[in-house]
Amino acid sequence: MKSVFISYNQAYHEEIIELLGKLSLRGYTYWEVTQGRGSATGDPHLGSHAWPTLNSSLLVIVPADKVPTLLERLKAMDEETPAQGLRAFVWAVEASI
């Protein structure tokens, strides 16, 4: 199992939820409002007067064999509208209860 942390412009939310459904990835933890800025490109998403855009984030536990497909589809989404901002990070899940 792997955990995939996805941070994205709030405009992507419905698309990402739909993608998870298509991949039969039912469980996730969702943060409606997250703030931040990319390490290399893109505008900050801080919810302020100067930078009004906000992000959302999801943590999804994924069978290892589904990770490449999920990342491929997220990357395609990001490449369609790169100014929106979407990033995904993968970690190993050592144990769960």
PDB file of N, CA and C in Angstrom:
ATOM      1  N   MET A   1       0.844  -1.181   0.000  1.00  0.00           N
ATOM      2  CA  MET A   1       0.000   0.000   0.000  1.00  0.00           C
ATOM      3  C   MET A   1       0.889   1.245   0.000  1.00  0.00           C
ATOM      4  N   LYS A   2       0.359   2.278  -0.611  1.00  0.00           N
ATOM      5  CA  LYS A   2       1.040   3.569  -0.671  1.00  0.00           C
ATOM      6  C   LYS A   2       0.054   4.652  -0.229  1.00  0.00           C
ATOM      7  N   SER A   3       0.596   5.728   0.308  1.00  0.00           N
ATOM      8  CA  SER A   3      -0.240   6.895   0.568  1.00  0.00           C
ATOM      9  C   SER A   3       0.119   7.937  -0.483  1.00  0.00           C
ATOM     10  N   VAL A   4      -0.899   8.561  -1.032  1.00  0.00           N
ATOM     11  CA  VAL A   4      -0.697   9.606  -2.028  1.00  0.00           C
ATOM     12  C   VAL A   4      -1.310  10.885  -1.474  1.00  0.00           C
ATOM     13  N   PHE A   5      -0.473  11.892  -1.279  1.00  0.00           N
ATOM     14  CA  PHE A   5      -0.927  13.212  -0.832  1.00  0.00           C
ATOM     15  C   PHE A   5      -1.071  14.070  -2.076  1.00  0.00           C
ATOM     16  N   ILE A   6      -2.264  14.608  -2.292  1.00  0.00           N
ATOM     17  CA  ILE A   6      -2.541  15.433  -3.468  1.00  0.00           C
ATOM     18  C   ILE A   6      -2.920  16.820  -2.988  1.00  0.00           C
ATOM     19  N   SER A   7      -2.173  17.819  -3.408  1.00  0.00           N
ATOM     20  CA  SER A   7      -2.480  19.217  -3.106  1.00  0.00           C
ATOM     21  C   SER A   7      -2.808  19.893  -4.423  1.00  0.00           C
ATOM     22  N   TYR A   8      -3.939  20.608  -4.458  1.00  0.00           N
ATOM     23  CA  TYR A   8      -4.442  21.096  -5.743  1.00  0.00           C
ATOM     24  C   TYR A   8      -5.278  22.358  -5.571  1.00  0.00           C
ATOM     25  N   ASN A   9      -5.332  23.160  -6.629  1.00  0.00           N
ATOM     26  CA  ASN A   9      -6.237  24.294  -6.678  1.00  0.00           C
ATOM     27  C   ASN A   9      -7.653  23.773  -6.473  1.00  0.00           C
ATOM     28  N   GLN A  10      -8.445  24.481  -5.672  1.00  0.00           N
ATOM     29  CA  GLN A  10      -9.802  24.034  -5.358  1.00  0.00           C
ATOM     30  C   GLN A  10     -10.657  23.792  -6.601  1.00  0.00           C
ATOM     31  N   ALA A  11     -10.313  24.407  -7.708  1.00  0.00           N
ATOM     32  CA  ALA A  11     -11.072  24.218  -8.943  1.00  0.00           C
ATOM     33  C   ALA A  11     -11.012  22.774  -9.436  1.00  0.00           C
ATOM     34  N   TYR A  12     -10.017  22.008  -9.036  1.00  0.00           N
ATOM     35  CA  TYR A  12      -9.871  20.618  -9.460  1.00  0.00           C
ATOM     36  C   TYR A  12     -10.700  19.632  -8.636  1.00  0.00           C
ATOM     37  N   HIS A  13     -11.301  20.051  -7.546  1.00  0.00           N
ATOM     38  CA  HIS A  13     -11.856  19.107  -6.573  1.00  0.00           C
ATOM     39  C   HIS A  13     -12.802  18.071  -7.184  1.00  0.00           C
ATOM     40  N   GLU A  14     -13.796  18.505  -7.898  1.00  0.00           N
ATOM     41  CA  GLU A  14     -14.774  17.547  -8.444  1.00  0.00           C
ATOM     42  C   GLU A  14     -14.114  16.575  -9.412  1.00  0.00           C
ATOM     43  N   GLU A  15     -13.188  17.056 -10.228  1.00  0.00           N
ATOM     44  CA  GLU A  15     -12.476  16.180 -11.169  1.00  0.00           C
ATOM     45  C   GLU A  15     -11.669  15.116 -10.440  1.00  0.00           C
ATOM     46  N   ILE A  16     -11.022  15.501  -9.355  1.00  0.00           N
ATOM     47  CA  ILE A  16     -10.200  14.548  -8.613  1.00  0.00           C
ATOM     48  C   ILE A  16     -11.074  13.512  -7.916  1.00  0.00           C
ATOM     49  N   ILE A  17     -12.174  13.945  -7.325  1.00  0.00           N
ATOM     50  CA  ILE A  17     -13.100  12.998  -6.688  1.00  0.00           C
ATOM     51  C   ILE A  17     -13.645  12.023  -7.732  1.00  0.00           C
ATOM     52  N   GLU A  18     -13.986  12.523  -8.906  1.00  0.00           N
ATOM     53  CA  GLU A  18     -14.473  11.663  -9.991  1.00  0.00           C
ATOM     54  C   GLU A  18     -13.386  10.661 -10.410  1.00  0.00           C
ATOM     55  N   LEU A  19     -12.144  11.122 -10.511  1.00  0.00           N
ATOM     56  CA  LEU A  19     -11.039  10.242 -10.870  1.00  0.00           C
ATOM     57  C   LEU A  19     -10.871   9.126  -9.839  1.00  0.00           C
ATOM     58  N   LEU A  20     -10.927   9.472  -8.555  1.00  0.00           N
ATOM     59  CA  LEU A  20     -10.805   8.453  -7.515  1.00  0.00           C
ATOM     60  C   LEU A  20     -11.905   7.406  -7.671  1.00  0.00           C
ATOM     61  N   GLY A  21     -13.118   7.844  -7.971  1.00  0.00           N
ATOM     62  CA  GLY A  21     -14.226   6.915  -8.182  1.00  0.00           C
ATOM     63  C   GLY A  21     -13.985   5.985  -9.361  1.00  0.00           C
ATOM     64  N   LYS A  22     -13.497   6.534 -10.461  1.00  0.00           N
ATOM     65  CA  LYS A  22     -13.218   5.719 -11.647  1.00  0.00           C
ATOM     66  C   LYS A  22     -12.147   4.672 -11.380  1.00  0.00           C
ATOM     67  N   LEU A  23     -11.216   4.983 -10.485  1.00  0.00           N
ATOM     68  CA  LEU A  23     -10.148   4.046 -10.144  1.00  0.00           C
ATOM     69  C   LEU A  23     -10.512   3.153  -8.954  1.00  0.00           C
ATOM     70  N   SER A  24     -11.759   3.247  -8.485  1.00  0.00           N
ATOM     71  CA  SER A  24     -12.252   2.473  -7.331  1.00  0.00           C
ATOM     72  C   SER A  24     -11.431   2.731  -6.076  1.00  0.00           C
ATOM     73  N   LEU A  25     -11.011   3.977  -5.903  1.00  0.00           N
ATOM     74  CA  LEU A  25     -10.296   4.402  -4.703  1.00  0.00           C
ATOM     75  C   LEU A  25     -11.296   5.150  -3.829  1.00  0.00           C
ATOM     76  N   ARG A  26     -11.920   4.425  -2.938  1.00  0.00           N
ATOM     77  CA  ARG A  26     -13.055   4.946  -2.196  1.00  0.00           C
ATOM     78  C   ARG A  26     -12.678   5.799  -0.994  1.00  0.00           C
ATOM     79  N   GLY A  27     -11.658   5.401  -0.258  1.00  0.00           N
ATOM     80  CA  GLY A  27     -11.340   6.089   0.994  1.00  0.00           C
ATOM     81  C   GLY A  27     -10.305   7.186   0.823  1.00  0.00           C
ATOM     82  N   TYR A  28     -10.560   8.297   1.492  1.00  0.00           N
ATOM     83  CA  TYR A  28      -9.595   9.396   1.487  1.00  0.00           C
ATOM     84  C   TYR A  28      -9.866  10.302   2.666  1.00  0.00           C
ATOM     85  N   THR A  29      -8.874  11.106   3.009  1.00  0.00           N
ATOM     86  CA  THR A  29      -9.031  12.179   3.983  1.00  0.00           C
ATOM     87  C   THR A  29      -8.877  13.481   3.222  1.00  0.00           C
ATOM     88  N   TYR A  30      -9.772  14.425   3.481  1.00  0.00           N
ATOM     89  CA  TYR A  30      -9.863  15.654   2.685  1.00  0.00           C
ATOM     90  C   TYR A  30      -9.739  16.881   3.579  1.00  0.00           C
ATOM     91  N   TRP A  31      -8.872  17.800   3.174  1.00  0.00           N
ATOM     92  CA  TRP A  31      -8.763  19.106   3.804  1.00  0.00           C
ATOM     93  C   TRP A  31      -9.286  20.117   2.797  1.00  0.00           C
ATOM     94  N   GLU A  32     -10.390  20.764   3.119  1.00  0.00           N
ATOM     95  CA  GLU A  32     -11.032  21.681   2.181  1.00  0.00           C
ATOM     96  C   GLU A  32     -10.163  22.891   1.864  1.00  0.00           C
ATOM     97  N   VAL A  33      -9.482  23.420   2.869  1.00  0.00           N
ATOM     98  CA  VAL A  33      -8.663  24.613   2.661  1.00  0.00           C
ATOM     99  C   VAL A  33      -7.230  24.336   3.114  1.00  0.00           C
ATOM    100  N   THR A  34      -6.310  24.418   2.178  1.00  0.00           N
ATOM    101  CA  THR A  34      -4.886  24.385   2.501  1.00  0.00           C
ATOM    102  C   THR A  34      -4.226  25.530   1.750  1.00  0.00           C
ATOM    103  N   GLN A  35      -3.168  26.023   2.309  1.00  0.00           N
ATOM    104  CA  GLN A  35      -2.468  27.160   1.726  1.00  0.00           C
ATOM    105  C   GLN A  35      -1.037  26.767   1.423  1.00  0.00           C
ATOM    106  N   GLY A  36      -0.450  27.434   0.450  1.00  0.00           N
ATOM    107  CA  GLY A  36       0.948  27.168   0.169  1.00  0.00           C
ATOM    108  C   GLY A  36       1.391  27.784  -1.141  1.00  0.00           C
ATOM    109  N   ARG A  37       2.625  27.442  -1.498  1.00  0.00           N
ATOM    110  CA  ARG A  37       3.142  27.887  -2.780  1.00  0.00           C
ATOM    111  C   ARG A  37       4.129  26.851  -3.274  1.00  0.00           C
ATOM    112  N   GLY A  38       4.188  26.698  -4.575  1.00  0.00           N
ATOM    113  CA  GLY A  38       5.058  25.705  -5.182  1.00  0.00           C
ATOM    114  C   GLY A  38       6.525  26.041  -4.996  1.00  0.00           C
ATOM    115  N   SER A  39       7.354  25.024  -5.063  1.00  0.00           N
ATOM    116  CA  SER A  39       8.784  25.224  -4.844  1.00  0.00           C
ATOM    117  C   SER A  39       9.502  25.796  -6.066  1.00  0.00           C
ATOM    118  N   ALA A  40       8.924  25.650  -7.262  1.00  0.00           N
ATOM    119  CA  ALA A  40       9.621  26.108  -8.468  1.00  0.00           C
ATOM    120  C   ALA A  40       8.805  27.104  -9.296  1.00  0.00           C
ATOM    121  N   THR A  41       7.544  26.822  -9.484  1.00  0.00           N
ATOM    122  CA  THR A  41       6.724  27.679 -10.353  1.00  0.00           C
ATOM    123  C   THR A  41       5.367  27.907  -9.717  1.00  0.00           C
ATOM    124  N   GLY A  42       4.603  28.795 -10.326  1.00  0.00           N
ATOM    125  CA  GLY A  42       3.233  29.029  -9.875  1.00  0.00           C
ATOM    126  C   GLY A  42       3.127  30.124  -8.837  1.00  0.00           C
ATOM    127  N   ASP A  43       1.929  30.660  -8.743  1.00  0.00           N
ATOM    128  CA  ASP A  43       1.635  31.701  -7.768  1.00  0.00           C
ATOM    129  C   ASP A  43       1.282  31.079  -6.420  1.00  0.00           C
ATOM    130  N   PRO A  44       1.541  31.792  -5.326  1.00  0.00           N
ATOM    131  CA  PRO A  44       1.102  31.318  -4.018  1.00  0.00           C
ATOM    132  C   PRO A  44      -0.428  31.208  -3.968  1.00  0.00           C
ATOM    133  N   HIS A  45      -0.909  30.272  -3.200  1.00  0.00           N
ATOM    134  CA  HIS A  45      -2.342  30.095  -2.955  1.00  0.00           C
ATOM    135  C   HIS A  45      -2.539  30.286  -1.452  1.00  0.00           C
ATOM    136  N   LEU A  46      -2.762  31.546  -1.049  1.00  0.00           N
ATOM    137  CA  LEU A  46      -2.742  31.892   0.372  1.00  0.00           C
ATOM    138  C   LEU A  46      -4.062  32.426   0.915  1.00  0.00           C
ATOM    139  N   GLY A  47      -5.059  32.625   0.069  1.00  0.00           N
ATOM    140  CA  GLY A  47      -6.332  33.131   0.548  1.00  0.00           C
ATOM    141  C   GLY A  47      -6.276  34.557   1.055  1.00  0.00           C
ATOM    142  N   SER A  48      -5.282  35.320   0.612  1.00  0.00           N
ATOM    143  CA  SER A  48      -5.129  36.702   1.058  1.00  0.00           C
ATOM    144  C   SER A  48      -5.599  37.665  -0.032  1.00  0.00           C
ATOM    145  N   HIS A  49      -5.590  38.940   0.284  1.00  0.00           N
ATOM    146  CA  HIS A  49      -5.984  39.940  -0.707  1.00  0.00           C
ATOM    147  C   HIS A  49      -5.055  39.888  -1.922  1.00  0.00           C
ATOM    148  N   ALA A  50      -3.771  39.763  -1.677  1.00  0.00           N
ATOM    149  CA  ALA A  50      -2.795  39.731  -2.769  1.00  0.00           C
ATOM    150  C   ALA A  50      -2.794  38.390  -3.506  1.00  0.00           C
ATOM    151  N   TRP A  51      -3.022  37.289  -2.781  1.00  0.00           N
ATOM    152  CA  TRP A  51      -3.006  35.943  -3.356  1.00  0.00           C
ATOM    153  C   TRP A  51      -4.284  35.216  -2.922  1.00  0.00           C
ATOM    154  N   PRO A  52      -5.422  35.506  -3.572  1.00  0.00           N
ATOM    155  CA  PRO A  52      -6.714  35.022  -3.077  1.00  0.00           C
ATOM    156  C   PRO A  52      -7.008  33.541  -3.303  1.00  0.00           C
ATOM    157  N   THR A  53      -6.314  32.882  -4.204  1.00  0.00           N
ATOM    158  CA  THR A  53      -6.600  31.489  -4.500  1.00  0.00           C
ATOM    159  C   THR A  53      -6.239  30.599  -3.316  1.00  0.00           C
ATOM    160  N   LEU A  54      -6.999  29.516  -3.139  1.00  0.00           N
ATOM    161  CA  LEU A  54      -6.721  28.532  -2.095  1.00  0.00           C
ATOM    162  C   LEU A  54      -6.595  27.141  -2.709  1.00  0.00           C
ATOM    163  N   ASN A  55      -5.946  26.264  -1.984  1.00  0.00           N
ATOM    164  CA  ASN A  55      -5.837  24.859  -2.362  1.00  0.00           C
ATOM    165  C   ASN A  55      -6.736  24.017  -1.487  1.00  0.00           C
ATOM    166  N   SER A  56      -6.930  22.792  -1.911  1.00  0.00           N
ATOM    167  CA  SER A  56      -7.467  21.719  -1.093  1.00  0.00           C
ATOM    168  C   SER A  56      -6.450  20.603  -1.147  1.00  0.00           C
ATOM    169  N   SER A  57      -6.578  19.633  -0.243  1.00  0.00           N
ATOM    170  CA  SER A  57      -5.661  18.499  -0.233  1.00  0.00           C
ATOM    171  C   SER A  57      -6.407  17.226   0.119  1.00  0.00           C
ATOM    172  N   LEU A  58      -5.906  16.118  -0.421  1.00  0.00           N
ATOM    173  CA  LEU A  58      -6.440  14.786  -0.140  1.00  0.00           C
ATOM    174  C   LEU A  58      -5.290  13.860   0.220  1.00  0.00           C
ATOM    175  N   LEU A  59      -5.529  12.952   1.134  1.00  0.00           N
ATOM    176  CA  LEU A  59      -4.618  11.857   1.416  1.00  0.00           C
ATOM    177  C   LEU A  59      -5.377  10.581   1.093  1.00  0.00           C
ATOM    178  N   VAL A  60      -4.842   9.810   0.156  1.00  0.00           N
ATOM    179  CA  VAL A  60      -5.506   8.604  -0.321  1.00  0.00           C
ATOM    180  C   VAL A  60      -4.566   7.415  -0.107  1.00  0.00           C
ATOM    181  N   ILE A  61      -5.078   6.339   0.473  1.00  0.00           N
ATOM    182  CA  ILE A  61      -4.300   5.116   0.601  1.00  0.00           C
ATOM    183  C   ILE A  61      -4.647   4.240  -0.604  1.00  0.00           C
ATOM    184  N   VAL A  62      -3.598   3.863  -1.349  1.00  0.00           N
ATOM    185  CA  VAL A  62      -3.777   3.276  -2.673  1.00  0.00           C
ATOM    186  C   VAL A  62      -3.002   1.964  -2.774  1.00  0.00           C
ATOM    187  N   PRO A  63      -3.608   0.925  -3.348  1.00  0.00           N
ATOM    188  CA  PRO A  63      -2.802  -0.266  -3.646  1.00  0.00           C
ATOM    189  C   PRO A  63      -1.642   0.128  -4.568  1.00  0.00           C
ATOM    190  N   ALA A  64      -0.478  -0.402  -4.318  1.00  0.00           N
ATOM    191  CA  ALA A  64       0.724  -0.005  -5.063  1.00  0.00           C
ATOM    192  C   ALA A  64       0.541  -0.109  -6.572  1.00  0.00           C
ATOM    193  N   ASP A  65      -0.197  -1.092  -7.040  1.00  0.00           N
ATOM    194  CA  ASP A  65      -0.361  -1.266  -8.482  1.00  0.00           C
ATOM    195  C   ASP A  65      -1.225  -0.183  -9.135  1.00  0.00           C
ATOM    196  N   LYS A  66      -1.973   0.572  -8.339  1.00  0.00           N
ATOM    197  CA  LYS A  66      -2.812   1.644  -8.897  1.00  0.00           C
ATOM    198  C   LYS A  66      -2.123   3.008  -8.885  1.00  0.00           C
ATOM    199  N   VAL A  67      -1.000   3.114  -8.185  1.00  0.00           N
ATOM    200  CA  VAL A  67      -0.303   4.400  -8.078  1.00  0.00           C
ATOM    201  C   VAL A  67       0.111   4.953  -9.438  1.00  0.00           C
ATOM    202  N   PRO A  68       0.735   4.169 -10.323  1.00  0.00           N
ATOM    203  CA  PRO A  68       1.144   4.742 -11.612  1.00  0.00           C
ATOM    204  C   PRO A  68      -0.017   5.330 -12.419  1.00  0.00           C
ATOM    205  N   THR A  69      -1.149   4.653 -12.433  1.00  0.00           N
ATOM    206  CA  THR A  69      -2.316   5.160 -13.171  1.00  0.00           C
ATOM    207  C   THR A  69      -2.833   6.443 -12.546  1.00  0.00           C
ATOM    208  N   LEU A  70      -2.932   6.475 -11.221  1.00  0.00           N
ATOM    209  CA  LEU A  70      -3.396   7.682 -10.543  1.00  0.00           C
ATOM    210  C   LEU A  70      -2.466   8.850 -10.849  1.00  0.00           C
ATOM    211  N   LEU A  71      -1.162   8.645 -10.729  1.00  0.00           N
ATOM    212  CA  LEU A  71      -0.209   9.734 -10.990  1.00  0.00           C
ATOM    213  C   LEU A  71      -0.251  10.180 -12.452  1.00  0.00           C
ATOM    214  N   GLU A  72      -0.390   9.241 -13.360  1.00  0.00           N
ATOM    215  CA  GLU A  72      -0.461   9.571 -14.783  1.00  0.00           C
ATOM    216  C   GLU A  72      -1.665  10.467 -15.079  1.00  0.00           C
ATOM    217  N   ARG A  73      -2.804  10.129 -14.505  1.00  0.00           N
ATOM    218  CA  ARG A  73      -4.020  10.926 -14.751  1.00  0.00           C
ATOM    219  C   ARG A  73      -3.959  12.277 -14.065  1.00  0.00           C
ATOM    220  N   LEU A  74      -3.384  12.338 -12.871  1.00  0.00           N
ATOM    221  CA  LEU A  74      -3.210  13.628 -12.197  1.00  0.00           C
ATOM    222  C   LEU A  74      -2.255  14.515 -12.983  1.00  0.00           C
ATOM    223  N   LYS A  75      -1.181  13.928 -13.505  1.00  0.00           N
ATOM    224  CA  LYS A  75      -0.224  14.692 -14.298  1.00  0.00           C
ATOM    225  C   LYS A  75      -0.882  15.253 -15.552  1.00  0.00           C
ATOM    226  N   ALA A  76      -1.723  14.463 -16.198  1.00  0.00           N
ATOM    227  CA  ALA A  76      -2.440  14.936 -17.390  1.00  0.00           C
ATOM    228  C   ALA A  76      -3.344  16.116 -17.047  1.00  0.00           C
ATOM    229  N   MET A  77      -4.023  16.036 -15.908  1.00  0.00           N
ATOM    230  CA  MET A  77      -4.865  17.141 -15.437  1.00  0.00           C
ATOM    231  C   MET A  77      -4.041  18.408 -15.262  1.00  0.00           C
ATOM    232  N   ASP A  78      -2.904  18.257 -14.588  1.00  0.00           N
ATOM    233  CA  ASP A  78      -2.031  19.397 -14.326  1.00  0.00           C
ATOM    234  C   ASP A  78      -1.500  19.995 -15.628  1.00  0.00           C
ATOM    235  N   GLU A  79      -1.149  19.155 -16.576  1.00  0.00           N
ATOM    236  CA  GLU A  79      -0.598  19.643 -17.839  1.00  0.00           C
ATOM    237  C   GLU A  79      -1.636  20.370 -18.689  1.00  0.00           C
ATOM    238  N   GLU A  80      -2.923  20.020 -18.535  1.00  0.00           N
ATOM    239  CA  GLU A  80      -3.992  20.715 -19.274  1.00  0.00           C
ATOM    240  C   GLU A  80      -4.125  22.166 -18.831  1.00  0.00           C
ATOM    241  N   THR A  81      -3.968  22.418 -17.538  1.00  0.00           N
ATOM    242  CA  THR A  81      -4.099  23.765 -16.982  1.00  0.00           C
ATOM    243  C   THR A  81      -3.007  23.989 -15.939  1.00  0.00           C
ATOM    244  N   PRO A  82      -1.757  24.165 -16.373  1.00  0.00           N
ATOM    245  CA  PRO A  82      -0.643  24.239 -15.427  1.00  0.00           C
ATOM    246  C   PRO A  82      -0.692  25.429 -14.473  1.00  0.00           C
ATOM    247  N   ALA A  83      -1.372  26.494 -14.837  1.00  0.00           N
ATOM    248  CA  ALA A  83      -1.438  27.656 -13.951  1.00  0.00           C
ATOM    249  C   ALA A  83      -2.288  27.388 -12.703  1.00  0.00           C
ATOM    250  N   GLN A  84      -3.158  26.367 -12.739  1.00  0.00           N
ATOM    251  CA  GLN A  84      -4.012  26.061 -11.584  1.00  0.00           C
ATOM    252  C   GLN A  84      -3.200  25.540 -10.405  1.00  0.00           C
ATOM    253  N   GLY A  85      -2.314  24.621 -10.668  1.00  0.00           N
ATOM    254  CA  GLY A  85      -1.503  24.031  -9.612  1.00  0.00           C
ATOM    255  C   GLY A  85      -2.058  22.724  -9.096  1.00  0.00           C
ATOM    256  N   LEU A  86      -1.270  21.657  -9.227  1.00  0.00           N
ATOM    257  CA  LEU A  86      -1.633  20.330  -8.736  1.00  0.00           C
ATOM    258  C   LEU A  86      -0.332  19.561  -8.529  1.00  0.00           C
ATOM    259  N   ARG A  87      -0.157  18.996  -7.344  1.00  0.00           N
ATOM    260  CA  ARG A  87       1.018  18.193  -7.047  1.00  0.00           C
ATOM    261  C   ARG A  87       0.588  16.949  -6.281  1.00  0.00           C
ATOM    262  N   ALA A  88       1.316  15.857  -6.484  1.00  0.00           N
ATOM    263  CA  ALA A  88       1.042  14.606  -5.770  1.00  0.00           C
ATOM    264  C   ALA A  88       2.365  14.026  -5.289  1.00  0.00           C
ATOM    265  N   PHE A  89       2.340  13.473  -4.086  1.00  0.00           N
ATOM    266  CA  PHE A  89       3.526  12.895  -3.450  1.00  0.00           C
ATOM    267  C   PHE A  89       3.154  11.520  -2.913  1.00  0.00           C
ATOM    268  N   VAL A  90       4.052  10.568  -3.042  1.00  0.00           N
ATOM    269  CA  VAL A  90       3.773   9.180  -2.664  1.00  0.00           C
ATOM    270  C   VAL A  90       4.721   8.745  -1.547  1.00  0.00           C
ATOM    271  N   TRP A  91       4.145   8.099  -0.523  1.00  0.00           N
ATOM    272  CA  TRP A  91       4.921   7.512   0.570  1.00  0.00           C
ATOM    273  C   TRP A  91       4.472   6.065   0.768  1.00  0.00           C
ATOM    274  N   ALA A  92       5.379   5.255   1.267  1.00  0.00           N
ATOM    275  CA  ALA A  92       5.040   3.879   1.620  1.00  0.00           C
ATOM    276  C   ALA A  92       4.205   3.865   2.899  1.00  0.00           C
ATOM    277  N   VAL A  93       3.231   2.966   2.959  1.00  0.00           N
ATOM    278  CA  VAL A  93       2.449   2.756   4.171  1.00  0.00           C
ATOM    279  C   VAL A  93       3.074   1.541   4.877  1.00  0.00           C
ATOM    280  N   GLU A  94       3.638   1.779   6.037  1.00  0.00           N
ATOM    281  CA  GLU A  94       4.334   0.709   6.766  1.00  0.00           C
ATOM    282  C   GLU A  94       3.375  -0.227   7.497  1.00  0.00           C
ATOM    283  N   ALA A  95       2.295   0.330   8.033  1.00  0.00           N
ATOM    284  CA  ALA A  95       1.337  -0.473   8.789  1.00  0.00           C
ATOM    285  C   ALA A  95       0.019   0.275   8.863  1.00  0.00           C
ATOM    286  N   SER A  96      -1.054  -0.477   9.129  1.00  0.00           N
ATOM    287  CA  SER A  96      -2.358   0.151   9.349  1.00  0.00           C
ATOM    288  C   SER A  96      -3.177  -0.738  10.259  1.00  0.00           C
ATOM    289  N   ILE A  97      -4.232  -0.183  10.838  1.00  0.00           N
ATOM    290  CA  ILE A  97      -5.124  -0.982  11.685  1.00  0.00           C
ATOM    291  C   ILE A  97      -6.530  -0.887  11.160  1.00  0.00           C
TER     292      ILE A  97
END
